[in-house]
Amino acid sequence: MSTQNTATSTSDAELQAFADAFGEFMRATRRARGRVADEPAGEGDLTLSQYQLLDALLDAAGPLTVREVAVGAGVASPTATRMLTGLERDGLIARERPEAGDQRCVLIHLTGEGRTRVEAKRERVAKWRRDLFDSLMPSERKQAARLLDQLAAAVDDL
């Protein structure tokens, strides 16, 4: 077998091993999200999707536009608008129009109850991340963070 063919077969084998590992990682992620979604929600517990939508509001210096909330959650503005309608009905967010400027603009902020629920969910998510981090050997942690950053950037570039 020539050097070229050996390199190609090694490359093909490595690609297949990567594809298999990546596929298993994605399946494990979906299973974990499903378990989080299937957990019996405490009274007033946010879903993971609601938390991801509202999390940026917790640290914001002031109200955010619907577009800013949507970008923070990685969803389209119409999706954010639909979700925010339900969250407003539940008393977790409030919408306001700016006093000056574009009156079509709507600003979103958390209510006191909304802040309480987002903070509680953030604590549960932080515990889940800590458990995941603790499952790695100390020598693997920096490497895992570096690889996850590289993979995220590569996926964004696709």
Protein backbone atom coordinates (compact mmCIF):
# COMPACT_ATOMS: atom_id res chain seq x y z
CA MET A 1 0.00 0.00 0.00
CA SER A 2 1.40 3.41 -0.92
CA THR A 3 1.98 6.20 1.57
CA GLN A 4 -0.86 8.17 -0.05
CA ASN A 5 -3.34 5.29 0.36
CA THR A 6 -2.24 4.69 3.97
CA ALA A 7 -2.72 8.38 4.78
CA THR A 8 -6.14 8.37 3.12
CA SER A 9 -7.30 5.26 4.98
CA THR A 10 -5.99 6.66 8.27
CA SER A 11 -7.73 9.95 7.52
CA ASP A 12 -10.95 8.10 6.61
CA ALA A 13 -10.75 6.05 9.81
CA GLU A 14 -10.13 9.17 11.89
CA LEU A 15 -13.01 10.94 10.19
CA GLN A 16 -15.32 8.00 10.90
CA ALA A 17 -14.20 7.86 14.55
CA PHE A 18 -14.82 11.62 14.86
CA ALA A 19 -18.22 11.34 13.16
CA ASP A 20 -19.23 8.47 15.46
CA ALA A 21 -18.10 10.33 18.59
CA PHE A 22 -19.76 13.55 17.48
CA GLY A 23 -23.00 11.72 16.71
CA GLU A 24 -22.98 10.07 20.13
CA PHE A 25 -22.27 13.43 21.79
CA MET A 26 -25.23 15.02 19.99
CA ARG A 27 -27.51 12.11 20.96
CA ALA A 28 -26.37 12.36 24.59
CA THR A 29 -27.05 16.11 24.52
CA ARG A 30 -30.58 15.53 23.17
CA ARG A 31 -31.21 12.86 25.83
CA ALA A 32 -30.00 15.23 28.56
CA ARG A 33 -32.22 18.04 27.24
CA GLY A 34 -35.10 15.58 27.17
CA ARG A 35 -34.45 14.58 30.79
CA VAL A 36 -34.39 18.23 31.81
CA ALA A 37 -37.64 18.82 29.92
CA ASP A 38 -39.22 15.69 31.42
CA GLU A 39 -38.28 16.55 35.01
CA PRO A 40 -41.35 17.27 37.03
CA ALA A 41 -41.46 21.03 37.03
CA GLY A 42 -41.81 22.65 40.37
CA GLU A 43 -44.51 25.21 40.63
CA GLY A 44 -43.50 28.04 38.37
CA ASP A 45 -40.36 26.30 37.09
CA LEU A 46 -39.13 27.61 33.75
CA THR A 47 -38.59 25.28 30.84
CA LEU A 48 -35.08 25.20 29.42
CA SER A 49 -36.27 27.16 26.36
CA GLN A 50 -37.85 29.84 28.54
CA TYR A 51 -34.70 30.06 30.65
CA GLN A 52 -32.49 30.44 27.58
CA LEU A 53 -34.75 33.23 26.33
CA LEU A 54 -34.81 35.13 29.63
CA ASP A 55 -31.27 34.55 30.88
CA ALA A 56 -29.78 37.59 29.09
CA LEU A 57 -32.32 39.83 30.83
CA LEU A 58 -30.97 38.82 34.23
CA ASP A 59 -27.58 40.46 33.64
CA ALA A 60 -28.70 43.29 31.37
CA ALA A 61 -28.09 46.85 32.57
CA GLY A 62 -31.61 47.72 31.46
CA PRO A 63 -34.46 46.52 29.29
CA LEU A 64 -33.62 44.76 26.01
CA THR A 65 -35.38 44.84 22.66
CA VAL A 66 -37.14 41.73 21.42
CA ARG A 67 -34.37 41.35 18.84
CA GLU A 68 -31.67 41.47 21.55
CA VAL A 69 -33.52 38.87 23.60
CA ALA A 70 -33.91 36.67 20.51
CA VAL A 71 -30.23 36.96 19.55
CA GLY A 72 -29.19 36.13 23.12
CA ALA A 73 -31.27 32.96 23.00
CA GLY A 74 -30.32 32.03 19.45
CA VAL A 75 -33.89 32.11 18.16
CA ALA A 76 -35.72 34.11 15.51
CA SER A 77 -37.50 37.29 16.58
CA PRO A 78 -40.98 35.88 15.78
CA THR A 79 -40.24 32.87 18.01
CA ALA A 80 -39.08 35.16 20.81
CA THR A 81 -42.19 37.32 20.40
CA ARG A 82 -44.49 34.28 20.74
CA MET A 83 -42.65 33.04 23.81
CA LEU A 84 -42.58 36.49 25.39
CA THR A 85 -46.34 36.80 24.96
CA GLY A 86 -46.86 33.75 27.16
CA LEU A 87 -44.23 34.90 29.66
CA GLU A 88 -45.89 38.31 29.88
CA ARG A 89 -49.27 36.63 30.47
CA ASP A 90 -47.63 34.65 33.30
CA GLY A 91 -46.28 37.86 34.83
CA LEU A 92 -42.59 37.05 34.29
CA ILE A 93 -41.74 39.88 31.90
CA ALA A 94 -43.15 43.30 31.09
CA ARG A 95 -43.03 45.18 27.83
CA GLU A 96 -42.63 48.92 27.57
CA ARG A 97 -42.31 51.47 24.82
CA PRO A 98 -39.48 54.01 25.05
CA GLU A 99 -40.52 57.56 25.89
CA ALA A 100 -38.63 58.95 22.91
CA GLY A 101 -37.51 57.49 19.62
CA ASP A 102 -39.03 54.73 17.56
CA GLN A 103 -42.44 53.92 19.04
CA ARG A 104 -42.44 50.59 17.17
CA CYS A 105 -39.60 49.47 19.44
CA VAL A 106 -40.63 47.36 22.42
CA LEU A 107 -38.38 46.92 25.43
CA ILE A 108 -38.50 43.83 27.62
CA HIS A 109 -37.59 43.54 31.30
CA LEU A 110 -38.04 40.90 33.96
CA THR A 111 -40.62 41.39 36.69
CA GLY A 112 -39.68 40.52 40.28
CA GLU A 113 -41.24 37.07 39.87
CA GLY A 114 -39.46 36.60 36.55
CA ARG A 115 -36.11 37.48 38.12
CA THR A 116 -36.71 34.99 40.94
CA ARG A 117 -37.52 32.16 38.54
CA VAL A 118 -34.61 32.87 36.19
CA GLU A 119 -32.19 32.98 39.13
CA ALA A 120 -33.52 29.64 40.41
CA LYS A 121 -33.17 28.01 37.00
CA ARG A 122 -29.68 29.48 36.59
CA GLU A 123 -28.65 27.78 39.84
CA ARG A 124 -29.94 24.40 38.62
CA VAL A 125 -28.16 24.82 35.26
CA ALA A 126 -24.93 25.79 37.06
CA LYS A 127 -25.16 22.62 39.17
CA TRP A 128 -25.65 20.50 36.04
CA ARG A 129 -22.58 22.13 34.44
CA ARG A 130 -20.55 21.60 37.63
CA ASP A 131 -21.52 17.92 37.68
CA LEU A 132 -20.45 17.60 34.05
CA PHE A 133 -17.16 19.40 34.75
CA ASP A 134 -16.52 17.20 37.80
CA SER A 135 -17.04 14.09 35.65
CA LEU A 136 -13.84 14.96 33.76
CA MET A 137 -10.38 14.24 35.06
CA PRO A 138 -8.50 17.43 36.02
CA SER A 139 -6.10 16.85 33.13
CA GLU A 140 -9.03 16.78 30.65
CA ARG A 141 -10.84 19.96 31.70
CA LYS A 142 -8.78 22.60 29.86
CA GLN A 143 -8.54 20.39 26.80
CA ALA A 144 -12.30 19.85 26.81
CA ALA A 145 -12.98 23.60 27.07
CA ARG A 146 -10.55 24.32 24.22
CA LEU A 147 -12.06 21.62 22.00
CA LEU A 148 -15.63 22.72 22.73
CA ASP A 149 -14.70 26.32 21.82
CA GLN A 150 -13.10 25.14 18.57
CA LEU A 151 -16.10 22.97 17.69
CA ALA A 152 -18.54 25.81 18.42
CA ALA A 153 -16.57 28.15 16.16
CA ALA A 154 -16.38 25.52 13.41
CA VAL A 155 -20.14 24.89 13.59
CA ASP A 156 -20.81 28.65 13.46
CA ASP A 157 -18.65 28.87 10.33
CA LEU A 158 -20.59 26.16 8.48
